Amino acid sequence: MQNFLNYLKFLLTATNQHGVHSPFVYNYVTKCLYSKSKYGKVRSLNILLKSIAYFKAERVWLPPQKDGIQKEIRRIFPSLQFENGPYDVLFANPSEAEKLIRGTYEENKIHNTTLLLIDGIHANHTNLSFWKKITNHQKVTVSVDMFHCGAVFFRKEQAKEHFKIRI
């Protein structure tokens, strides 16, 4: 019940593409998130697959326990690589993502256009706390809260902005 109320609050404060004043995020929302392509029923997986296609990703990082997702990605994008960054797309839960930002920056495994997609950011209070901590990280410039998951970008040329988008 609490999650339903949180979702209603999110819907009241979120916007669609018309509330986005960043050309980069506007294009991501309209050409990727709102595209008609449907890869599956799980929203975060669908967003991950759409994002891989939109950004023409060549290297993706997944946590070791995501074998099923990796098989699905390989089926749709057979030429995609999963090892040896720098990575174009990273997919993690909030606690993994926080550690990942630190580690991948230290090892130069992410670049200016890397997307970090974080699953389940509103699933519980702990995940939401991690999400807020991640969006406040000094290297994060753009964050997109989509309730079921969140997208984080490290674009040096962009001012720090946070968006809540209904999808």
N, C-alpha and C. Protein backbone atom coordinates (compact mmCIF):
# COMPACT_ATOMS: atom_id res chain seq x y z
N MET A 1 0.82 -1.20 0.00
CA MET A 1 0.00 0.00 0.00
C MET A 1 0.87 1.27 0.00
N GLN A 2 1.94 1.23 0.82
CA GLN A 2 2.82 2.39 0.90
C GLN A 2 3.48 2.67 -0.45
N ASN A 3 3.89 1.61 -1.15
CA ASN A 3 4.51 1.79 -2.45
C ASN A 3 3.54 2.42 -3.46
N PHE A 4 2.27 2.04 -3.37
CA PHE A 4 1.25 2.62 -4.24
C PHE A 4 1.11 4.12 -3.96
N LEU A 5 1.09 4.50 -2.69
CA LEU A 5 1.00 5.92 -2.33
C LEU A 5 2.24 6.68 -2.79
N ASN A 6 3.40 6.05 -2.66
CA ASN A 6 4.64 6.68 -3.15
C ASN A 6 4.59 6.87 -4.66
N TYR A 7 4.01 5.89 -5.37
CA TYR A 7 3.89 6.00 -6.82
C TYR A 7 2.94 7.14 -7.20
N LEU A 8 1.84 7.27 -6.47
CA LEU A 8 0.91 8.39 -6.73
C LEU A 8 1.59 9.73 -6.50
N LYS A 9 2.37 9.84 -5.43
CA LYS A 9 3.11 11.08 -5.16
C LYS A 9 4.10 11.36 -6.28
N PHE A 10 4.74 10.31 -6.75
CA PHE A 10 5.69 10.45 -7.85
C PHE A 10 4.99 10.98 -9.09
N LEU A 11 3.83 10.40 -9.42
CA LEU A 11 3.09 10.83 -10.61
C LEU A 11 2.68 12.29 -10.53
N LEU A 12 2.37 12.76 -9.34
CA LEU A 12 1.96 14.15 -9.17
C LEU A 12 3.12 15.12 -9.36
N THR A 13 4.32 14.69 -9.06
CA THR A 13 5.47 15.59 -9.17
C THR A 13 6.30 15.37 -10.43
N ALA A 14 6.07 14.26 -11.12
CA ALA A 14 6.84 13.95 -12.33
C ALA A 14 6.25 14.67 -13.54
N THR A 15 7.03 14.71 -14.59
CA THR A 15 6.61 15.38 -15.82
C THR A 15 6.82 14.44 -17.00
N ASN A 16 6.36 14.88 -18.16
CA ASN A 16 6.67 14.15 -19.39
C ASN A 16 7.73 14.95 -20.14
N GLN A 17 7.88 14.72 -21.42
CA GLN A 17 8.93 15.40 -22.18
C GLN A 17 8.76 16.91 -22.23
N HIS A 18 7.55 17.41 -22.02
CA HIS A 18 7.31 18.86 -22.11
C HIS A 18 7.91 19.63 -20.95
N GLY A 19 8.22 18.95 -19.86
CA GLY A 19 8.83 19.61 -18.71
C GLY A 19 10.35 19.53 -18.71
N VAL A 20 10.92 19.01 -19.79
CA VAL A 20 12.37 18.81 -19.86
C VAL A 20 12.98 19.92 -20.71
N HIS A 21 13.93 20.64 -20.13
CA HIS A 21 14.55 21.75 -20.85
C HIS A 21 16.00 21.48 -21.22
N SER A 22 16.41 20.25 -21.09
CA SER A 22 17.75 19.83 -21.50
C SER A 22 17.62 19.08 -22.83
N PRO A 23 18.26 19.54 -23.89
CA PRO A 23 18.16 18.84 -25.19
C PRO A 23 18.59 17.38 -25.10
N PHE A 24 19.65 17.10 -24.34
CA PHE A 24 20.14 15.73 -24.19
C PHE A 24 19.07 14.85 -23.56
N VAL A 25 18.49 15.29 -22.45
CA VAL A 25 17.48 14.50 -21.74
C VAL A 25 16.19 14.44 -22.55
N TYR A 26 15.82 15.53 -23.21
CA TYR A 26 14.61 15.55 -24.05
C TYR A 26 14.72 14.47 -25.14
N ASN A 27 15.87 14.41 -25.80
CA ASN A 27 16.07 13.39 -26.84
C ASN A 27 16.04 11.99 -26.25
N TYR A 28 16.66 11.80 -25.08
CA TYR A 28 16.65 10.49 -24.42
C TYR A 28 15.22 10.07 -24.10
N VAL A 29 14.43 11.00 -23.59
CA VAL A 29 13.05 10.69 -23.22
C VAL A 29 12.21 10.40 -24.46
N THR A 30 12.25 11.28 -25.45
CA THR A 30 11.35 11.15 -26.61
C THR A 30 11.78 10.06 -27.59
N LYS A 31 13.08 9.93 -27.82
CA LYS A 31 13.54 8.97 -28.83
C LYS A 31 13.89 7.60 -28.27
N CYS A 32 14.06 7.51 -26.96
CA CYS A 32 14.41 6.23 -26.36
C CYS A 32 13.29 5.74 -25.44
N LEU A 33 13.06 6.45 -24.35
CA LEU A 33 12.10 5.98 -23.35
C LEU A 33 10.68 5.90 -23.89
N TYR A 34 10.29 6.86 -24.72
CA TYR A 34 8.93 6.87 -25.27
C TYR A 34 8.84 6.16 -26.62
N SER A 35 9.91 5.53 -27.07
CA SER A 35 9.86 4.83 -28.36
C SER A 35 8.91 3.64 -28.26
N LYS A 36 8.38 3.23 -29.39
CA LYS A 36 7.39 2.15 -29.43
C LYS A 36 8.01 0.77 -29.23
N SER A 37 9.33 0.67 -29.33
CA SER A 37 10.00 -0.63 -29.15
C SER A 37 9.63 -1.22 -27.80
N LYS A 38 9.32 -2.49 -27.81
CA LYS A 38 8.96 -3.19 -26.57
C LYS A 38 9.78 -4.47 -26.52
N TYR A 39 10.67 -4.54 -25.55
CA TYR A 39 11.54 -5.71 -25.45
C TYR A 39 11.06 -6.71 -24.41
N GLY A 40 10.22 -6.29 -23.51
CA GLY A 40 9.75 -7.19 -22.47
C GLY A 40 8.75 -6.51 -21.56
N LYS A 41 8.22 -7.27 -20.61
CA LYS A 41 7.20 -6.74 -19.71
C LYS A 41 7.80 -6.05 -18.48
N VAL A 42 9.00 -6.43 -18.09
CA VAL A 42 9.64 -5.82 -16.92
C VAL A 42 10.16 -4.45 -17.33
N ARG A 43 9.65 -3.41 -16.66
CA ARG A 43 9.96 -2.04 -17.09
C ARG A 43 11.44 -1.72 -17.10
N SER A 44 12.14 -2.06 -16.02
CA SER A 44 13.56 -1.71 -15.97
C SER A 44 14.36 -2.45 -17.04
N LEU A 45 14.02 -3.69 -17.33
CA LEU A 45 14.70 -4.43 -18.40
C LEU A 45 14.38 -3.81 -19.76
N ASN A 46 13.14 -3.43 -19.97
CA ASN A 46 12.73 -2.78 -21.21
C ASN A 46 13.51 -1.47 -21.40
N ILE A 47 13.64 -0.68 -20.33
CA ILE A 47 14.38 0.58 -20.39
C ILE A 47 15.86 0.30 -20.67
N LEU A 48 16.41 -0.72 -20.03
CA LEU A 48 17.81 -1.09 -20.27
C LEU A 48 18.04 -1.43 -21.74
N LEU A 49 17.19 -2.26 -22.30
CA LEU A 49 17.36 -2.68 -23.69
C LEU A 49 17.15 -1.53 -24.66
N LYS A 50 16.15 -0.68 -24.40
CA LYS A 50 15.95 0.51 -25.24
C LYS A 50 17.16 1.43 -25.18
N SER A 51 17.73 1.59 -23.98
CA SER A 51 18.89 2.47 -23.80
C SER A 51 20.12 1.93 -24.51
N ILE A 52 20.32 0.63 -24.46
CA ILE A 52 21.44 0.01 -25.18
C ILE A 52 21.31 0.30 -26.67
N ALA A 53 20.11 0.15 -27.20
CA ALA A 53 19.88 0.42 -28.63
C ALA A 53 20.05 1.91 -28.94
N TYR A 54 19.47 2.78 -28.12
CA TYR A 54 19.51 4.22 -28.37
C TYR A 54 20.94 4.76 -28.36
N PHE A 55 21.72 4.37 -27.37
CA PHE A 55 23.09 4.88 -27.25
C PHE A 55 24.10 4.07 -28.08
N LYS A 56 23.61 3.05 -28.80
CA LYS A 56 24.47 2.20 -29.61
C LYS A 56 25.65 1.68 -28.78
N ALA A 57 25.31 1.15 -27.62
CA ALA A 57 26.32 0.67 -26.67
C ALA A 57 27.11 -0.49 -27.25
N GLU A 58 28.38 -0.51 -26.93
CA GLU A 58 29.26 -1.60 -27.35
C GLU A 58 29.70 -2.45 -26.17
N ARG A 59 29.77 -1.82 -24.98
CA ARG A 59 30.19 -2.53 -23.77
C ARG A 59 29.20 -2.25 -22.64
N VAL A 60 28.76 -3.33 -22.00
CA VAL A 60 27.78 -3.24 -20.92
C VAL A 60 28.32 -3.97 -19.70
N TRP A 61 28.09 -3.39 -18.52
CA TRP A 61 28.44 -4.05 -17.27
C TRP A 61 27.17 -4.47 -16.55
N LEU A 62 27.13 -5.73 -16.12
CA LEU A 62 26.03 -6.26 -15.31
C LEU A 62 26.63 -6.93 -14.09
N PRO A 63 25.93 -6.90 -12.95
CA PRO A 63 26.42 -7.64 -11.79
C PRO A 63 26.43 -9.14 -12.08
N PRO A 64 27.31 -9.89 -11.43
CA PRO A 64 27.44 -11.33 -11.71
C PRO A 64 26.13 -12.12 -11.58
N GLN A 65 25.24 -11.73 -10.70
CA GLN A 65 24.01 -12.50 -10.47
C GLN A 65 22.92 -12.22 -11.52
N LYS A 66 23.21 -11.47 -12.55
CA LYS A 66 22.22 -11.11 -13.57
C LYS A 66 22.39 -11.94 -14.84
N ASP A 67 22.63 -13.23 -14.71
CA ASP A 67 22.86 -14.11 -15.88
C ASP A 67 21.68 -14.13 -16.84
N GLY A 68 20.46 -14.15 -16.32
CA GLY A 68 19.27 -14.18 -17.16
C GLY A 68 19.17 -12.93 -18.02
N ILE A 69 19.48 -11.79 -17.43
CA ILE A 69 19.45 -10.53 -18.18
C ILE A 69 20.55 -10.53 -19.24
N GLN A 70 21.72 -11.03 -18.88
CA GLN A 70 22.82 -11.08 -19.85
C GLN A 70 22.46 -11.96 -21.05
N LYS A 71 21.81 -13.08 -20.81
CA LYS A 71 21.39 -13.95 -21.92
C LYS A 71 20.40 -13.24 -22.83
N GLU A 72 19.46 -12.51 -22.23
CA GLU A 72 18.47 -11.77 -23.01
C GLU A 72 19.15 -10.68 -23.85
N ILE A 73 20.08 -9.97 -23.24
CA ILE A 73 20.81 -8.92 -23.97
C ILE A 73 21.61 -9.53 -25.12
N ARG A 74 22.29 -10.64 -24.85
CA ARG A 74 23.08 -11.30 -25.92
C ARG A 74 22.18 -11.77 -27.07
N ARG A 75 20.96 -12.20 -26.74
CA ARG A 75 20.03 -12.65 -27.77
C ARG A 75 19.66 -11.49 -28.70
N ILE A 76 19.43 -10.31 -28.13
CA ILE A 76 19.00 -9.15 -28.91
C ILE A 76 20.18 -8.40 -29.53
N PHE A 77 21.28 -8.31 -28.79
CA PHE A 77 22.48 -7.59 -29.24
C PHE A 77 23.68 -8.53 -29.19
N PRO A 78 23.82 -9.43 -30.17
CA PRO A 78 24.86 -10.47 -30.10
C PRO A 78 26.30 -9.94 -30.10
N SER A 79 26.54 -8.76 -30.62
CA SER A 79 27.92 -8.26 -30.69
C SER A 79 28.34 -7.48 -29.45
N LEU A 80 27.46 -7.32 -28.50
CA LEU A 80 27.76 -6.57 -27.28
C LEU A 80 28.81 -7.28 -26.43
N GLN A 81 29.71 -6.50 -25.84
CA GLN A 81 30.76 -7.03 -24.96
C GLN A 81 30.38 -6.78 -23.50
N PHE A 82 30.78 -7.69 -22.61
CA PHE A 82 30.44 -7.56 -21.20
C PHE A 82 31.66 -7.46 -20.29
N GLU A 83 32.84 -7.39 -20.86
CA GLU A 83 34.02 -7.29 -20.02
C GLU A 83 34.95 -6.21 -20.55
N ASN A 84 35.90 -5.84 -19.72
CA ASN A 84 36.93 -4.87 -20.11
C ASN A 84 36.36 -3.52 -20.56
N GLY A 85 36.01 -2.67 -19.60
CA GLY A 85 35.52 -1.33 -19.91
C GLY A 85 36.57 -0.53 -20.65
N PRO A 86 36.30 0.70 -20.98
CA PRO A 86 35.23 1.53 -20.44
C PRO A 86 33.85 1.09 -20.95
N TYR A 87 32.88 1.23 -20.07
CA TYR A 87 31.53 0.77 -20.35
C TYR A 87 30.66 1.91 -20.87
N ASP A 88 29.75 1.56 -21.77
CA ASP A 88 28.77 2.52 -22.28
C ASP A 88 27.52 2.52 -21.42
N VAL A 89 27.16 1.35 -20.90
CA VAL A 89 25.97 1.20 -20.05
C VAL A 89 26.33 0.29 -18.88
N LEU A 90 25.91 0.69 -17.69
CA LEU A 90 26.05 -0.14 -16.49
C LEU A 90 24.66 -0.31 -15.91
N PHE A 91 24.36 -1.51 -15.40
CA PHE A 91 23.04 -1.80 -14.83
C PHE A 91 23.26 -2.40 -13.45
N ALA A 92 22.68 -1.79 -12.42
CA ALA A 92 22.92 -2.26 -11.06
C ALA A 92 21.75 -1.89 -10.16
N ASN A 93 21.74 -2.47 -8.95
CA ASN A 93 20.79 -2.02 -7.95
C ASN A 93 21.44 -0.85 -7.20
N PRO A 94 20.69 -0.11 -6.39
CA PRO A 94 21.25 1.10 -5.77
C PRO A 94 22.51 0.87 -4.93
N SER A 95 22.56 -0.19 -4.13
CA SER A 95 23.76 -0.39 -3.30
C SER A 95 24.98 -0.73 -4.15
N GLU A 96 24.79 -1.52 -5.21
CA GLU A 96 25.89 -1.83 -6.13
C GLU A 96 26.34 -0.57 -6.86
N ALA A 97 25.39 0.26 -7.24
CA ALA A 97 25.68 1.46 -8.04
C ALA A 97 26.59 2.42 -7.30
N GLU A 98 26.35 2.59 -6.01
CA GLU A 98 27.18 3.51 -5.24
C GLU A 98 28.64 3.05 -5.24
N LYS A 99 28.86 1.77 -5.01
CA LYS A 99 30.22 1.21 -5.03
C LYS A 99 30.80 1.29 -6.44
N LEU A 100 29.95 1.06 -7.42
CA LEU A 100 30.36 1.06 -8.82
C LEU A 100 30.88 2.42 -9.27
N ILE A 101 30.21 3.48 -8.86
CA ILE A 101 30.64 4.83 -9.25
C ILE A 101 32.07 5.07 -8.76
N ARG A 102 32.31 4.74 -7.50
CA ARG A 102 33.65 4.93 -6.95
C ARG A 102 34.68 4.09 -7.70
N GLY A 103 34.42 2.81 -7.82
CA GLY A 103 35.38 1.89 -8.43
C GLY A 103 35.64 2.15 -9.90
N THR A 104 34.59 2.36 -10.67
CA THR A 104 34.78 2.54 -12.12
C THR A 104 35.45 3.87 -12.43
N TYR A 105 35.21 4.89 -11.60
CA TYR A 105 35.91 6.15 -11.84
C TYR A 105 37.39 6.00 -11.54
N GLU A 106 37.70 5.30 -10.47
CA GLU A 106 39.10 5.09 -10.11
C GLU A 106 39.82 4.29 -11.19
N GLU A 107 39.14 3.39 -11.82
CA GLU A 107 39.76 2.53 -12.84
C GLU A 107 39.53 3.05 -14.26
N ASN A 108 38.95 4.23 -14.40
CA ASN A 108 38.66 4.83 -15.72
C ASN A 108 37.82 3.91 -16.60
N LYS A 109 36.80 3.28 -16.02
CA LYS A 109 35.96 2.36 -16.78
C LYS A 109 34.64 2.98 -17.22
N ILE A 110 34.45 4.25 -16.93
CA ILE A 110 33.28 4.97 -17.45
C ILE A 110 33.78 6.22 -18.15
N HIS A 111 32.98 6.70 -19.09
CA HIS A 111 33.37 7.88 -19.85
C HIS A 111 32.24 8.90 -19.83
N ASN A 112 32.42 9.96 -20.55
CA ASN A 112 31.50 11.10 -20.52
C ASN A 112 30.06 10.73 -20.88
N THR A 113 29.85 9.78 -21.75
CA THR A 113 28.49 9.44 -22.17
C THR A 113 27.98 8.13 -21.57
N THR A 114 28.66 7.62 -20.56
CA THR A 114 28.22 6.38 -19.91
C THR A 114 26.88 6.59 -19.22
N LEU A 115 26.01 5.60 -19.35
CA LEU A 115 24.72 5.58 -18.65
C LEU A 115 24.81 4.54 -17.54
N LEU A 116 24.47 4.95 -16.33
CA LEU A 116 24.33 4.02 -15.22
C LEU A 116 22.84 3.91 -14.94
N LEU A 117 22.26 2.75 -15.22
CA LEU A 117 20.83 2.51 -14.99
C LEU A 117 20.69 1.74 -13.69
N ILE A 118 19.91 2.29 -12.78
CA ILE A 118 19.80 1.74 -11.43
C ILE A 118 18.38 1.21 -11.23
N ASP A 119 18.29 -0.06 -10.94
CA ASP A 119 17.01 -0.76 -10.80
C ASP A 119 16.44 -0.60 -9.39
N GLY A 120 15.13 -0.45 -9.29
CA GLY A 120 14.44 -0.49 -8.00
C GLY A 120 14.73 0.66 -7.06
N ILE A 121 14.84 1.87 -7.57
CA ILE A 121 15.23 2.99 -6.71
C ILE A 121 14.16 3.36 -5.69
N HIS A 122 12.90 3.04 -5.96
CA HIS A 122 11.82 3.33 -5.01
C HIS A 122 11.28 2.07 -4.35
N ALA A 123 11.99 0.95 -4.46
CA ALA A 123 11.50 -0.32 -3.91
C ALA A 123 11.39 -0.29 -2.39
N ASN A 124 12.30 0.42 -1.73
CA ASN A 124 12.24 0.55 -0.27
C ASN A 124 13.01 1.81 0.15
N HIS A 125 12.95 2.11 1.43
CA HIS A 125 13.57 3.34 1.94
C HIS A 125 15.09 3.32 1.76
N THR A 126 15.70 2.16 1.95
CA THR A 126 17.16 2.03 1.80
C THR A 126 17.58 2.34 0.37
N ASN A 127 16.87 1.77 -0.60
CA ASN A 127 17.19 2.03 -2.01
C ASN A 127 17.03 3.50 -2.35
N LEU A 128 15.99 4.12 -1.83
CA LEU A 128 15.76 5.55 -2.09
C LEU A 128 16.89 6.38 -1.49
N SER A 129 17.37 6.00 -0.32
CA SER A 129 18.51 6.70 0.30
C SER A 129 19.75 6.57 -0.57
N PHE A 130 20.01 5.37 -1.08
CA PHE A 130 21.15 5.16 -1.98
C PHE A 130 20.99 6.02 -3.24
N TRP A 131 19.78 6.06 -3.80
CA TRP A 131 19.52 6.85 -5.00
C TRP A 131 19.85 8.32 -4.76
N LYS A 132 19.39 8.85 -3.64
CA LYS A 132 19.67 10.26 -3.32
C LYS A 132 21.16 10.51 -3.16
N LYS A 133 21.85 9.57 -2.53
CA LYS A 133 23.30 9.69 -2.35
C LYS A 133 24.01 9.67 -3.70
N ILE A 134 23.55 8.79 -4.59
CA ILE A 134 24.15 8.68 -5.93
C ILE A 134 23.93 9.96 -6.73
N THR A 135 22.71 10.49 -6.70
CA THR A 135 22.42 11.71 -7.49
C THR A 135 23.18 12.92 -6.96
N ASN A 136 23.59 12.88 -5.70
CA ASN A 136 24.37 13.98 -5.13
C ASN A 136 25.88 13.80 -5.33
N HIS A 137 26.29 12.68 -5.90
CA HIS A 137 27.72 12.42 -6.13
C HIS A 137 28.29 13.50 -7.04
N GLN A 138 29.50 13.94 -6.75
CA GLN A 138 30.11 15.05 -7.49
C GLN A 138 30.29 14.78 -8.98
N LYS A 139 30.46 13.53 -9.39
CA LYS A 139 30.67 13.20 -10.80
C LYS A 139 29.36 13.08 -11.58
N VAL A 140 28.25 12.91 -10.88
CA VAL A 140 26.95 12.76 -11.54
C VAL A 140 26.43 14.14 -11.93
N THR A 141 26.11 14.31 -13.21
CA THR A 141 25.59 15.60 -13.66
C THR A 141 24.10 15.55 -14.00
N VAL A 142 23.63 14.43 -14.50
CA VAL A 142 22.22 14.31 -14.88
C VAL A 142 21.65 13.04 -14.27
N SER A 143 20.48 13.17 -13.64
CA SER A 143 19.78 11.98 -13.14
C SER A 143 18.33 12.04 -13.59
N VAL A 144 17.81 10.89 -13.96
CA VAL A 144 16.43 10.78 -14.43
C VAL A 144 15.73 9.72 -13.58
N ASP A 145 14.81 10.15 -12.75
CA ASP A 145 14.03 9.26 -11.89
C ASP A 145 12.79 8.84 -12.66
N MET A 146 12.65 7.53 -12.91
CA MET A 146 11.49 6.99 -13.63
C MET A 146 10.66 6.08 -12.73
N PHE A 147 10.83 6.22 -11.43
CA PHE A 147 10.21 5.47 -10.35
C PHE A 147 10.70 4.03 -10.29
N HIS A 148 10.51 3.24 -11.32
CA HIS A 148 10.92 1.84 -11.30
C HIS A 148 12.43 1.69 -11.39
N CYS A 149 13.05 2.66 -12.02
CA CYS A 149 14.51 2.68 -12.13
C CYS A 149 14.95 4.13 -12.33
N GLY A 150 16.23 4.34 -12.28
CA GLY A 150 16.78 5.68 -12.46
C GLY A 150 17.98 5.63 -13.38
N ALA A 151 18.17 6.70 -14.13
CA ALA A 151 19.31 6.80 -15.04
C ALA A 151 20.22 7.92 -14.55
N VAL A 152 21.52 7.64 -14.58
CA VAL A 152 22.51 8.61 -14.14
C VAL A 152 23.53 8.78 -15.26
N PHE A 153 23.89 10.04 -15.53
CA PHE A 153 24.87 10.35 -16.56
C PHE A 153 26.00 11.18 -15.95
N PHE A 154 27.16 11.13 -16.59
CA PHE A 154 28.37 11.79 -16.08
C PHE A 154 28.88 12.83 -17.07
N ARG A 155 27.99 13.50 -17.77
CA ARG A 155 28.35 14.43 -18.84
C ARG A 155 29.00 15.70 -18.27
N LYS A 156 30.27 15.88 -18.56
CA LYS A 156 31.02 17.02 -18.02
C LYS A 156 30.52 18.36 -18.55
N GLU A 157 29.99 18.36 -19.76
CA GLU A 157 29.57 19.62 -20.39
C GLU A 157 28.17 20.07 -19.95
N GLN A 158 27.54 19.33 -19.08
CA GLN A 158 26.17 19.65 -18.69
C GLN A 158 26.10 20.05 -17.22
N ALA A 159 25.26 21.04 -16.96
CA ALA A 159 25.02 21.46 -15.57
C ALA A 159 24.27 20.36 -14.83
N LYS A 160 24.47 20.29 -13.53
CA LYS A 160 23.82 19.27 -12.71
C LYS A 160 22.31 19.51 -12.72
N GLU A 161 21.56 18.47 -13.12
CA GLU A 161 20.09 18.56 -13.16
C GLU A 161 19.49 17.22 -12.77
N HIS A 162 18.31 17.28 -12.17
CA HIS A 162 17.58 16.08 -11.79
C HIS A 162 16.19 16.15 -12.41
N PHE A 163 15.75 15.05 -13.01
CA PHE A 163 14.44 15.01 -13.66
C PHE A 163 13.62 13.85 -13.10
N LYS A 164 12.33 14.05 -12.99
CA LYS A 164 11.38 12.98 -12.68
C LYS A 164 10.50 12.84 -13.90
N ILE A 165 10.54 11.68 -14.54
CA ILE A 165 9.84 11.47 -15.81
C ILE A 165 8.84 10.33 -15.68
N ARG A 166 7.61 10.59 -16.13
CA ARG A 166 6.59 9.54 -16.21
C ARG A 166 6.81 8.76 -17.49
N ILE A 167 6.86 7.45 -17.36
CA ILE A 167 6.97 6.64 -18.58
C ILE A 167 5.89 5.58 -18.57
